[in-house]
């Protein structure tokens, strides 16, 4: 058995070593955290500089008007759904009074494979998906054609009239009328 004095020295020495190790461990942990804090502060300073540059750029250009093409970009959806386009077209026709009754014999066809060829839209077709919608119905009232064209023109989505085929009947007899339009989607 050790004498009491040596036992006290060992006990206090062990406590001192444990205390010293705890202090070293705390310094290492706090030092590592301080390095992370310093790194985050540097990143925050860099982000704030980028934000300040962007704010300055916005202030310099706040009176510049966006071009018409940017306005058109907002009207071109990036998701195409044949079913949604068909329902949207049917809803437009219903709103105009062209229903599914036998009086109108309404048909709606959505053509997903459209051959643009060498038309003015050929360059657009490289970057966008173009879908054609063919509408046909029987009526003796030509005002439905102009109503459809007006509705397509005032729509929130960009539609381009492809063809219109009608016969003026002067309200005497019903004739098949047809309208084809292109819907453009940014799905590429």
N, C-alpha and C. Protein backbone atom coordinates (compact mmCIF):
# COMPACT_ATOMS: atom_id res chain seq x y z
N UNK A 1 0.83 -1.16 0.00
CA UNK A 1 0.00 0.00 0.00
C UNK A 1 0.89 1.24 0.00
N UNK A 2 0.41 2.20 -0.75
CA UNK A 2 1.16 3.45 -0.86
C UNK A 2 0.90 4.29 0.36
N UNK A 3 1.85 5.13 0.61
CA UNK A 3 1.60 6.00 1.75
C UNK A 3 0.59 7.06 1.36
N UNK A 4 0.05 7.65 2.33
CA UNK A 4 -1.06 8.59 2.14
C UNK A 4 -0.62 9.80 1.33
N UNK A 5 0.55 10.28 1.55
CA UNK A 5 1.02 11.47 0.85
C UNK A 5 1.18 11.16 -0.65
N UNK A 6 1.77 10.03 -1.00
CA UNK A 6 1.95 9.65 -2.39
C UNK A 6 0.58 9.43 -3.05
N UNK A 7 -0.35 8.85 -2.35
CA UNK A 7 -1.70 8.63 -2.85
C UNK A 7 -2.38 9.96 -3.15
N UNK A 8 -2.19 10.95 -2.27
CA UNK A 8 -2.78 12.28 -2.51
C UNK A 8 -2.15 12.92 -3.74
N UNK A 9 -0.81 12.78 -3.88
CA UNK A 9 -0.14 13.34 -5.06
C UNK A 9 -0.66 12.70 -6.35
N UNK A 10 -0.84 11.40 -6.34
CA UNK A 10 -1.37 10.71 -7.52
C UNK A 10 -2.81 11.15 -7.82
N UNK A 11 -3.60 11.28 -6.77
CA UNK A 11 -4.99 11.70 -6.96
C UNK A 11 -5.04 13.11 -7.54
N UNK A 12 -4.33 14.04 -6.93
CA UNK A 12 -4.34 15.43 -7.42
C UNK A 12 -3.66 15.54 -8.79
N UNK A 13 -2.67 14.74 -9.01
CA UNK A 13 -2.01 14.73 -10.33
C UNK A 13 -2.97 14.23 -11.41
N UNK A 14 -3.70 13.17 -11.08
CA UNK A 14 -4.67 12.65 -12.03
C UNK A 14 -5.77 13.67 -12.31
N UNK A 15 -6.22 14.34 -11.23
CA UNK A 15 -7.22 15.40 -11.42
C UNK A 15 -6.66 16.54 -12.29
N UNK A 16 -5.41 16.89 -12.08
CA UNK A 16 -4.79 17.95 -12.86
C UNK A 16 -4.67 17.54 -14.33
N UNK A 17 -4.26 16.28 -14.56
CA UNK A 17 -4.13 15.79 -15.94
C UNK A 17 -5.51 15.76 -16.61
N UNK A 18 -6.54 15.27 -15.92
CA UNK A 18 -7.90 15.26 -16.47
C UNK A 18 -8.37 16.68 -16.75
N UNK A 19 -8.14 17.59 -15.83
CA UNK A 19 -8.51 19.00 -16.03
C UNK A 19 -7.77 19.60 -17.22
N UNK A 20 -6.45 19.27 -17.31
CA UNK A 20 -5.65 19.76 -18.43
C UNK A 20 -6.18 19.21 -19.76
N UNK A 21 -6.55 17.91 -19.80
CA UNK A 21 -7.10 17.30 -21.01
C UNK A 21 -8.45 17.91 -21.38
N UNK A 22 -9.26 18.20 -20.36
CA UNK A 22 -10.56 18.84 -20.63
C UNK A 22 -10.35 20.23 -21.23
N UNK A 23 -9.40 20.96 -20.70
CA UNK A 23 -9.10 22.30 -21.22
C UNK A 23 -8.57 22.22 -22.65
N UNK A 24 -7.66 21.25 -22.93
CA UNK A 24 -7.15 21.07 -24.28
C UNK A 24 -8.29 20.69 -25.26
N UNK A 25 -9.15 19.77 -24.81
CA UNK A 25 -10.27 19.35 -25.65
C UNK A 25 -11.21 20.52 -25.93
N UNK A 26 -11.47 21.33 -24.93
CA UNK A 26 -12.34 22.50 -25.11
C UNK A 26 -11.70 23.50 -26.06
N UNK A 27 -10.42 23.73 -25.94
CA UNK A 27 -9.71 24.66 -26.84
C UNK A 27 -9.77 24.15 -28.27
N UNK A 28 -9.60 22.82 -28.45
CA UNK A 28 -9.64 22.25 -29.80
C UNK A 28 -11.04 22.38 -30.40
N UNK A 29 -12.08 22.08 -29.60
CA UNK A 29 -13.45 22.17 -30.10
C UNK A 29 -13.81 23.62 -30.41
N UNK A 30 -13.51 24.52 -29.49
CA UNK A 30 -13.83 25.93 -29.71
C UNK A 30 -13.02 26.48 -30.88
N UNK A 31 -11.77 26.06 -31.01
CA UNK A 31 -10.95 26.50 -32.14
C UNK A 31 -11.52 26.03 -33.46
N UNK A 32 -11.99 24.77 -33.52
CA UNK A 32 -12.62 24.25 -34.74
C UNK A 32 -13.90 25.00 -35.07
N UNK A 33 -14.67 25.28 -34.04
CA UNK A 33 -15.90 26.04 -34.26
C UNK A 33 -15.58 27.47 -34.70
N UNK A 34 -14.54 28.03 -34.15
CA UNK A 34 -14.15 29.39 -34.53
C UNK A 34 -13.71 29.44 -35.99
N UNK A 35 -13.02 28.38 -36.45
CA UNK A 35 -12.63 28.32 -37.86
C UNK A 35 -13.87 28.27 -38.75
N UNK A 36 -14.86 27.49 -38.36
CA UNK A 36 -16.11 27.43 -39.13
C UNK A 36 -16.82 28.78 -39.13
N UNK A 37 -16.85 29.41 -37.98
CA UNK A 37 -17.48 30.73 -37.88
C UNK A 37 -16.76 31.73 -38.77
N UNK A 38 -15.43 31.70 -38.76
CA UNK A 38 -14.67 32.61 -39.62
C UNK A 38 -14.95 32.33 -41.09
N UNK A 39 -15.02 31.06 -41.47
CA UNK A 39 -15.31 30.70 -42.86
C UNK A 39 -16.71 31.18 -43.25
N UNK A 40 -17.70 30.98 -42.39
CA UNK A 40 -19.05 31.46 -42.67
C UNK A 40 -19.11 32.97 -42.77
N UNK A 41 -18.34 33.66 -41.94
CA UNK A 41 -18.30 35.12 -42.02
C UNK A 41 -17.72 35.58 -43.35
N UNK A 42 -16.67 34.89 -43.82
CA UNK A 42 -16.09 35.23 -45.13
C UNK A 42 -17.11 35.00 -46.24
N UNK A 43 -17.85 33.88 -46.17
CA UNK A 43 -18.87 33.59 -47.18
C UNK A 43 -19.99 34.63 -47.13
N UNK A 44 -20.39 35.03 -45.93
CA UNK A 44 -21.43 36.05 -45.79
C UNK A 44 -20.98 37.38 -46.37
N UNK A 45 -19.71 37.73 -46.15
CA UNK A 45 -19.19 38.97 -46.72
C UNK A 45 -19.20 38.90 -48.24
N UNK A 46 -18.83 37.76 -48.79
CA UNK A 46 -18.83 37.58 -50.25
C UNK A 46 -20.26 37.65 -50.80
N UNK A 47 -21.21 36.99 -50.13
CA UNK A 47 -22.60 37.04 -50.56
C UNK A 47 -23.17 38.45 -50.47
N UNK A 48 -22.82 39.15 -49.42
CA UNK A 48 -23.30 40.53 -49.28
C UNK A 48 -22.75 41.41 -50.40
N UNK A 49 -21.49 41.18 -50.79
CA UNK A 49 -20.92 41.93 -51.91
C UNK A 49 -21.67 41.64 -53.20
N UNK A 50 -22.02 40.36 -53.44
CA UNK A 50 -22.78 40.01 -54.63
C UNK A 50 -24.18 40.63 -54.60
N UNK A 51 -24.81 40.62 -53.43
CA UNK A 51 -26.13 41.24 -53.29
C UNK A 51 -26.05 42.73 -53.56
N UNK A 52 -25.02 43.39 -53.05
CA UNK A 52 -24.84 44.83 -53.28
C UNK A 52 -24.63 45.11 -54.77
N UNK A 53 -23.85 44.25 -55.45
CA UNK A 53 -23.65 44.43 -56.89
C UNK A 53 -24.96 44.27 -57.65
N UNK A 54 -25.76 43.26 -57.28
CA UNK A 54 -27.05 43.05 -57.94
C UNK A 54 -28.00 44.21 -57.67
N UNK A 55 -28.03 44.70 -56.44
CA UNK A 55 -28.87 45.87 -56.13
C UNK A 55 -28.45 47.08 -56.95
N UNK A 56 -27.17 47.26 -57.09
CA UNK A 56 -26.66 48.38 -57.88
C UNK A 56 -27.06 48.21 -59.35
N UNK A 57 -26.96 46.99 -59.86
CA UNK A 57 -27.35 46.71 -61.25
C UNK A 57 -28.84 46.95 -61.46
N UNK A 58 -29.65 46.54 -60.50
CA UNK A 58 -31.10 46.76 -60.59
C UNK A 58 -31.40 48.26 -60.57
N UNK A 59 -30.73 49.00 -59.70
CA UNK A 59 -30.96 50.44 -59.63
C UNK A 59 -30.55 51.13 -60.93
N UNK A 60 -29.47 50.67 -61.55
CA UNK A 60 -29.03 51.26 -62.80
C UNK A 60 -30.01 51.00 -63.93
N UNK A 61 -30.69 49.84 -63.89
CA UNK A 61 -31.56 49.44 -64.99
C UNK A 61 -33.05 49.49 -64.66
N UNK A 62 -33.43 50.16 -63.60
CA UNK A 62 -34.83 50.10 -63.20
C UNK A 62 -35.76 50.86 -64.15
N UNK A 63 -35.24 51.77 -64.94
CA UNK A 63 -36.08 52.50 -65.88
C UNK A 63 -36.03 51.93 -67.29
N UNK A 64 -35.28 50.86 -67.48
CA UNK A 64 -35.21 50.23 -68.80
C UNK A 64 -36.41 49.30 -68.95
N UNK A 65 -37.11 49.45 -70.05
CA UNK A 65 -38.30 48.65 -70.29
C UNK A 65 -37.91 47.30 -70.89
N UNK A 66 -38.55 46.25 -70.42
CA UNK A 66 -38.25 44.93 -70.97
C UNK A 66 -38.83 44.82 -72.37
N UNK A 67 -38.18 44.02 -73.17
CA UNK A 67 -38.63 43.88 -74.55
C UNK A 67 -39.88 43.02 -74.61
N UNK A 68 -40.52 43.07 -75.76
CA UNK A 68 -41.75 42.31 -75.98
C UNK A 68 -41.50 40.80 -75.89
N UNK A 69 -40.30 40.36 -76.24
CA UNK A 69 -39.99 38.93 -76.17
C UNK A 69 -40.01 38.43 -74.74
N UNK A 70 -39.55 39.25 -73.79
CA UNK A 70 -39.60 38.82 -72.40
C UNK A 70 -41.05 38.72 -71.94
N UNK A 71 -41.91 39.61 -72.42
CA UNK A 71 -43.32 39.53 -72.09
C UNK A 71 -43.92 38.26 -72.66
N UNK A 72 -43.51 37.89 -73.87
CA UNK A 72 -44.02 36.66 -74.47
C UNK A 72 -43.55 35.44 -73.70
N UNK A 73 -42.36 35.50 -73.13
CA UNK A 73 -41.84 34.36 -72.39
C UNK A 73 -42.76 33.97 -71.24
N UNK A 74 -43.41 34.97 -70.63
CA UNK A 74 -44.31 34.69 -69.52
C UNK A 74 -45.57 33.96 -69.97
N UNK A 75 -45.89 34.02 -71.27
CA UNK A 75 -47.13 33.41 -71.74
C UNK A 75 -46.91 32.05 -72.38
N UNK A 76 -45.70 31.53 -72.29
CA UNK A 76 -45.40 30.22 -72.87
C UNK A 76 -45.21 29.22 -71.73
N UNK A 77 -46.17 28.32 -71.53
CA UNK A 77 -46.04 27.36 -70.44
C UNK A 77 -44.89 26.37 -70.68
N UNK A 78 -44.37 25.80 -69.61
CA UNK A 78 -43.27 24.85 -69.76
C UNK A 78 -43.72 23.41 -69.54
N UNK A 79 -45.01 23.20 -69.43
CA UNK A 79 -45.55 21.84 -69.28
C UNK A 79 -46.65 21.65 -70.30
N UNK A 80 -46.54 20.61 -71.12
CA UNK A 80 -47.57 20.31 -72.11
C UNK A 80 -48.40 19.13 -71.65
N UNK A 81 -49.71 19.30 -71.69
CA UNK A 81 -50.64 18.23 -71.40
C UNK A 81 -51.71 18.26 -72.48
N UNK A 82 -51.77 17.21 -73.27
CA UNK A 82 -52.77 17.15 -74.35
C UNK A 82 -54.17 17.24 -73.78
N UNK A 83 -54.40 16.56 -72.68
CA UNK A 83 -55.73 16.57 -72.06
C UNK A 83 -56.09 17.97 -71.58
N UNK A 84 -55.14 18.66 -70.96
CA UNK A 84 -55.41 20.01 -70.47
C UNK A 84 -55.67 20.97 -71.63
N UNK A 85 -54.90 20.85 -72.72
CA UNK A 85 -55.12 21.70 -73.89
C UNK A 85 -56.48 21.42 -74.51
N UNK A 86 -56.86 20.17 -74.57
CA UNK A 86 -58.17 19.80 -75.13
C UNK A 86 -59.30 20.39 -74.27
N UNK A 87 -59.17 20.27 -72.93
CA UNK A 87 -60.19 20.82 -72.03
C UNK A 87 -60.22 22.35 -72.09
N UNK A 88 -59.06 22.95 -72.21
CA UNK A 88 -58.99 24.42 -72.31
C UNK A 88 -59.69 24.90 -73.58
N UNK A 89 -59.46 24.19 -74.67
CA UNK A 89 -60.11 24.54 -75.94
C UNK A 89 -61.62 24.32 -75.85
N UNK A 90 -62.03 23.20 -75.27
CA UNK A 90 -63.47 22.91 -75.12
C UNK A 90 -64.13 23.97 -74.24
N UNK A 91 -63.45 24.38 -73.16
CA UNK A 91 -64.01 25.40 -72.27
C UNK A 91 -64.16 26.73 -73.01
N UNK A 92 -63.18 27.07 -73.86
CA UNK A 92 -63.27 28.30 -74.63
C UNK A 92 -64.48 28.24 -75.57
N UNK A 93 -64.65 27.11 -76.25
CA UNK A 93 -65.78 26.98 -77.18
C UNK A 93 -67.12 27.01 -76.43
N UNK A 94 -67.18 26.34 -75.29
CA UNK A 94 -68.40 26.36 -74.48
C UNK A 94 -68.73 27.79 -74.05
N UNK A 95 -67.70 28.53 -73.67
CA UNK A 95 -67.88 29.91 -73.24
C UNK A 95 -68.43 30.77 -74.38
N UNK A 96 -68.04 30.45 -75.59
CA UNK A 96 -68.51 31.20 -76.76
C UNK A 96 -69.86 30.70 -77.27
N UNK A 97 -70.37 29.62 -76.68
CA UNK A 97 -71.68 29.10 -77.06
C UNK A 97 -71.63 27.94 -78.04
N UNK A 98 -70.45 27.45 -78.35
CA UNK A 98 -70.31 26.32 -79.27
C UNK A 98 -70.22 25.06 -78.42
N UNK A 99 -71.36 24.42 -78.21
CA UNK A 99 -71.38 23.26 -77.31
C UNK A 99 -71.30 21.96 -78.10
N UNK A 100 -71.48 20.84 -77.41
CA UNK A 100 -71.37 19.53 -78.04
C UNK A 100 -72.67 19.04 -78.64
N UNK A 101 -73.64 19.91 -78.78
CA UNK A 101 -74.93 19.47 -79.31
C UNK A 101 -74.82 19.12 -80.79
N UNK A 102 -75.85 18.45 -81.29
CA UNK A 102 -75.85 18.06 -82.69
C UNK A 102 -75.96 19.26 -83.62
N UNK A 103 -76.40 20.40 -83.08
CA UNK A 103 -76.50 21.61 -83.90
C UNK A 103 -75.12 22.04 -84.40
N UNK A 104 -74.11 21.82 -83.58
CA UNK A 104 -72.77 22.29 -83.93
C UNK A 104 -71.85 21.19 -84.46
N UNK A 105 -72.07 19.95 -84.07
CA UNK A 105 -71.18 18.85 -84.47
C UNK A 105 -69.71 19.22 -84.23
N UNK A 106 -69.44 19.67 -83.06
CA UNK A 106 -68.10 20.19 -82.72
C UNK A 106 -67.09 19.05 -82.60
N UNK A 107 -65.88 19.27 -83.15
CA UNK A 107 -64.77 18.34 -82.96
C UNK A 107 -63.53 19.15 -82.60
N UNK A 108 -62.72 18.55 -81.75
CA UNK A 108 -61.44 19.15 -81.34
C UNK A 108 -60.37 18.08 -81.50
N UNK A 109 -59.37 18.37 -82.32
CA UNK A 109 -58.26 17.44 -82.50
C UNK A 109 -56.97 18.14 -82.11
N UNK A 110 -56.15 17.45 -81.32
CA UNK A 110 -54.84 17.97 -80.92
C UNK A 110 -53.79 17.16 -81.66
N UNK A 111 -52.96 17.84 -82.43
CA UNK A 111 -51.91 17.19 -83.22
C UNK A 111 -50.57 17.56 -82.60
N UNK A 112 -49.89 16.55 -82.05
CA UNK A 112 -48.62 16.83 -81.36
C UNK A 112 -47.43 16.84 -82.31
N UNK A 113 -47.53 16.17 -83.43
CA UNK A 113 -46.45 16.13 -84.42
C UNK A 113 -46.76 17.13 -85.53
N UNK A 114 -46.25 18.34 -85.40
CA UNK A 114 -46.54 19.39 -86.36
C UNK A 114 -45.31 19.61 -87.23
N UNK A 115 -45.51 19.60 -88.55
CA UNK A 115 -44.42 19.84 -89.50
C UNK A 115 -44.41 21.33 -89.84
N UNK A 116 -43.43 22.03 -89.33
CA UNK A 116 -43.33 23.48 -89.55
C UNK A 116 -42.71 23.78 -90.91
N UNK A 117 -41.80 22.93 -91.36
CA UNK A 117 -41.14 23.14 -92.65
C UNK A 117 -40.20 24.33 -92.60
N UNK A 118 -40.23 25.14 -93.66
CA UNK A 118 -39.37 26.31 -93.76
C UNK A 118 -40.10 27.60 -93.43
N UNK A 119 -41.14 27.52 -92.64
CA UNK A 119 -41.90 28.72 -92.31
C UNK A 119 -41.13 29.60 -91.33
N UNK A 120 -41.70 30.72 -91.00
CA UNK A 120 -41.08 31.66 -90.07
C UNK A 120 -40.94 31.05 -88.67
N UNK A 121 -41.74 30.04 -88.38
CA UNK A 121 -41.69 29.41 -87.06
C UNK A 121 -40.64 28.30 -86.97
N UNK A 122 -39.90 28.06 -88.04
CA UNK A 122 -38.91 26.98 -88.03
C UNK A 122 -37.84 27.21 -86.96
N UNK A 123 -37.41 28.44 -86.79
CA UNK A 123 -36.40 28.72 -85.76
C UNK A 123 -36.99 28.59 -84.36
N UNK A 124 -38.27 28.91 -84.22
CA UNK A 124 -38.94 28.76 -82.92
C UNK A 124 -39.09 27.29 -82.58
N UNK A 125 -39.35 26.46 -83.59
CA UNK A 125 -39.57 25.03 -83.37
C UNK A 125 -38.31 24.33 -82.87
N UNK A 126 -37.14 24.94 -83.08
CA UNK A 126 -35.90 24.34 -82.58
C UNK A 126 -35.81 24.42 -81.06
N UNK A 127 -36.40 25.47 -80.48
CA UNK A 127 -36.27 25.70 -79.05
C UNK A 127 -37.56 25.44 -78.26
N UNK A 128 -38.67 25.29 -78.97
CA UNK A 128 -39.96 25.12 -78.31
C UNK A 128 -40.72 23.96 -78.94
N UNK A 129 -41.67 23.44 -78.20
CA UNK A 129 -42.58 22.42 -78.74
C UNK A 129 -43.81 23.13 -79.27
N UNK A 130 -44.21 22.77 -80.47
CA UNK A 130 -45.37 23.39 -81.09
C UNK A 130 -46.42 22.30 -81.32
N UNK A 131 -47.64 22.60 -80.90
CA UNK A 131 -48.76 21.68 -80.99
C UNK A 131 -49.88 22.39 -81.76
N UNK A 132 -50.54 21.68 -82.66
CA UNK A 132 -51.64 22.27 -83.41
C UNK A 132 -52.97 21.74 -82.89
N UNK A 133 -53.93 22.64 -82.77
CA UNK A 133 -55.28 22.28 -82.36
C UNK A 133 -56.20 22.59 -83.53
N UNK A 134 -56.95 21.59 -83.98
CA UNK A 134 -57.91 21.76 -85.07
C UNK A 134 -59.31 21.73 -84.48
N UNK A 135 -60.06 22.79 -84.74
CA UNK A 135 -61.45 22.89 -84.27
C UNK A 135 -62.34 22.93 -85.51
N UNK A 136 -63.40 22.15 -85.49
CA UNK A 136 -64.40 22.27 -86.57
C UNK A 136 -65.79 22.17 -85.95
N UNK A 137 -66.70 22.91 -86.55
CA UNK A 137 -68.08 22.91 -86.07
C UNK A 137 -68.97 23.38 -87.21
N UNK A 138 -70.24 23.10 -87.10
CA UNK A 138 -71.21 23.48 -88.13
C UNK A 138 -72.08 24.60 -87.59
N UNK A 139 -72.20 25.67 -88.39
CA UNK A 139 -73.03 26.80 -87.99
C UNK A 139 -73.36 27.64 -89.21
N UNK A 140 -74.33 28.52 -89.02
CA UNK A 140 -74.66 29.48 -90.07
C UNK A 140 -74.27 30.89 -89.65
N UNK A 141 -73.62 31.02 -88.50
CA UNK A 141 -73.25 32.33 -87.94
C UNK A 141 -71.73 32.49 -87.98
N UNK A 142 -71.26 33.37 -88.83
CA UNK A 142 -69.82 33.59 -89.00
C UNK A 142 -69.19 34.32 -87.80
N UNK A 143 -70.01 34.93 -86.96
CA UNK A 143 -69.47 35.66 -85.82
C UNK A 143 -68.76 34.74 -84.83
N UNK A 144 -69.06 33.44 -84.87
CA UNK A 144 -68.34 32.50 -84.02
C UNK A 144 -66.85 32.46 -84.37
N UNK A 145 -66.55 32.56 -85.65
CA UNK A 145 -65.15 32.55 -86.09
C UNK A 145 -64.40 33.75 -85.51
N UNK A 146 -64.99 34.93 -85.64
CA UNK A 146 -64.32 36.13 -85.10
C UNK A 146 -64.24 36.07 -83.57
N UNK A 147 -65.23 35.48 -82.93
CA UNK A 147 -65.19 35.35 -81.47
C UNK A 147 -64.06 34.41 -81.05
N UNK A 148 -63.87 33.33 -81.79
CA UNK A 148 -62.77 32.40 -81.48
C UNK A 148 -61.43 33.10 -81.65
N UNK A 149 -61.26 33.83 -82.75
CA UNK A 149 -60.01 34.54 -83.00
C UNK A 149 -59.75 35.57 -81.90
N UNK A 150 -60.77 36.32 -81.52
CA UNK A 150 -60.61 37.31 -80.44
C UNK A 150 -60.24 36.63 -79.13
N UNK A 151 -60.89 35.51 -78.85
CA UNK A 151 -60.61 34.80 -77.60
C UNK A 151 -59.17 34.27 -77.59
N UNK A 152 -58.71 33.73 -78.70
CA UNK A 152 -57.32 33.25 -78.78
C UNK A 152 -56.33 34.40 -78.63
N UNK A 153 -56.65 35.53 -79.24
CA UNK A 153 -55.78 36.69 -79.16
C UNK A 153 -55.67 37.23 -77.73
N UNK A 154 -56.76 37.20 -77.00
CA UNK A 154 -56.79 37.74 -75.63
C UNK A 154 -56.47 36.71 -74.57
N UNK A 155 -56.12 35.51 -74.98
CA UNK A 155 -55.82 34.44 -74.02
C UNK A 155 -54.52 34.74 -73.27
N UNK A 156 -54.38 34.16 -72.09
CA UNK A 156 -53.15 34.33 -71.31
C UNK A 156 -52.00 33.54 -71.91
N UNK A 157 -52.29 32.50 -72.63
CA UNK A 157 -51.26 31.68 -73.27
C UNK A 157 -51.07 32.16 -74.71
N UNK A 158 -49.87 31.99 -75.23
CA UNK A 158 -49.58 32.38 -76.60
C UNK A 158 -50.13 31.34 -77.57
N UNK A 159 -51.06 31.77 -78.40
CA UNK A 159 -51.60 30.94 -79.47
C UNK A 159 -51.39 31.67 -80.78
N UNK A 160 -51.06 30.92 -81.82
CA UNK A 160 -50.87 31.51 -83.15
C UNK A 160 -51.87 30.85 -84.09
N UNK A 161 -52.69 31.66 -84.74
CA UNK A 161 -53.69 31.14 -85.67
C UNK A 161 -52.96 30.56 -86.88
N UNK A 162 -53.24 29.32 -87.18
CA UNK A 162 -52.60 28.64 -88.30
C UNK A 162 -53.46 28.76 -89.57
N UNK A 163 -54.75 28.45 -89.45
CA UNK A 163 -55.63 28.57 -90.61
C UNK A 163 -57.07 28.75 -90.16
N UNK A 164 -57.84 29.40 -91.02
CA UNK A 164 -59.28 29.59 -90.78
C UNK A 164 -59.98 29.24 -92.09
N UNK A 165 -60.97 28.38 -91.99
CA UNK A 165 -61.72 27.99 -93.19
C UNK A 165 -63.21 28.09 -92.88
N UNK A 166 -63.90 28.96 -93.63
CA UNK A 166 -65.33 29.14 -93.42
C UNK A 166 -65.98 29.58 -94.72
N UNK A 167 -67.29 29.46 -94.76
CA UNK A 167 -68.07 29.89 -95.91
C UNK A 167 -69.15 30.83 -95.39
N UNK A 168 -69.26 31.98 -96.00
CA UNK A 168 -70.30 32.94 -95.61
C UNK A 168 -71.64 32.40 -96.11
N UNK A 169 -72.56 32.15 -95.18
CA UNK A 169 -73.85 31.57 -95.56
C UNK A 169 -74.99 32.57 -95.43
N UNK A 170 -74.70 33.75 -94.90
CA UNK A 170 -75.73 34.78 -94.68
C UNK A 170 -76.89 34.26 -93.84
N UNK A 171 -76.60 33.31 -92.98
CA UNK A 171 -77.60 32.78 -92.07
C UNK A 171 -78.64 31.90 -92.75
N UNK A 172 -78.41 31.50 -94.00
CA UNK A 172 -79.41 30.72 -94.73
C UNK A 172 -79.27 29.22 -94.48
N UNK A 173 -78.04 28.72 -94.37
CA UNK A 173 -77.84 27.29 -94.15
C UNK A 173 -76.56 27.09 -93.34
N UNK A 174 -76.46 25.95 -92.69
CA UNK A 174 -75.29 25.67 -91.86
C UNK A 174 -74.17 25.10 -92.73
N UNK A 175 -72.98 25.49 -92.38
CA UNK A 175 -71.80 25.06 -93.12
C UNK A 175 -70.70 24.73 -92.11
N UNK A 176 -69.83 23.78 -92.44
CA UNK A 176 -68.73 23.45 -91.53
C UNK A 176 -67.70 24.57 -91.55
N UNK A 177 -67.33 25.03 -90.36
CA UNK A 177 -66.31 26.06 -90.17
C UNK A 177 -65.15 25.40 -89.43
N UNK A 178 -63.93 25.84 -89.71
CA UNK A 178 -62.79 25.25 -88.99
C UNK A 178 -61.75 26.32 -88.70
N UNK A 179 -61.10 26.15 -87.55
CA UNK A 179 -60.02 27.04 -87.12
C UNK A 179 -58.90 26.14 -86.61
N UNK A 180 -57.69 26.40 -87.07
CA UNK A 180 -56.51 25.69 -86.55
C UNK A 180 -55.60 26.73 -85.92
N UNK A 181 -55.10 26.40 -84.74
CA UNK A 181 -54.14 27.30 -84.10
C UNK A 181 -53.02 26.51 -83.48
N UNK A 182 -51.89 27.18 -83.30
CA UNK A 182 -50.70 26.57 -82.73
C UNK A 182 -50.53 27.00 -81.29
N UNK A 183 -50.23 26.06 -80.44
CA UNK A 183 -49.91 26.36 -79.03
C UNK A 183 -48.43 26.05 -78.85
N UNK A 184 -47.72 26.98 -78.20
CA UNK A 184 -46.26 26.85 -78.05
C UNK A 184 -45.95 26.55 -76.59
N UNK A 185 -45.05 25.57 -76.40
CA UNK A 185 -44.65 25.15 -75.05
C UNK A 185 -43.15 25.11 -74.95
N UNK A 186 -42.63 25.52 -73.83
CA UNK A 186 -41.19 25.52 -73.59
C UNK A 186 -40.81 24.24 -72.83
N UNK A 187 -40.94 23.11 -73.48
CA UNK A 187 -40.70 21.82 -72.82
C UNK A 187 -39.33 21.26 -73.13
N UNK A 188 -38.52 21.93 -73.92
CA UNK A 188 -37.19 21.42 -74.28
C UNK A 188 -36.21 21.63 -73.16
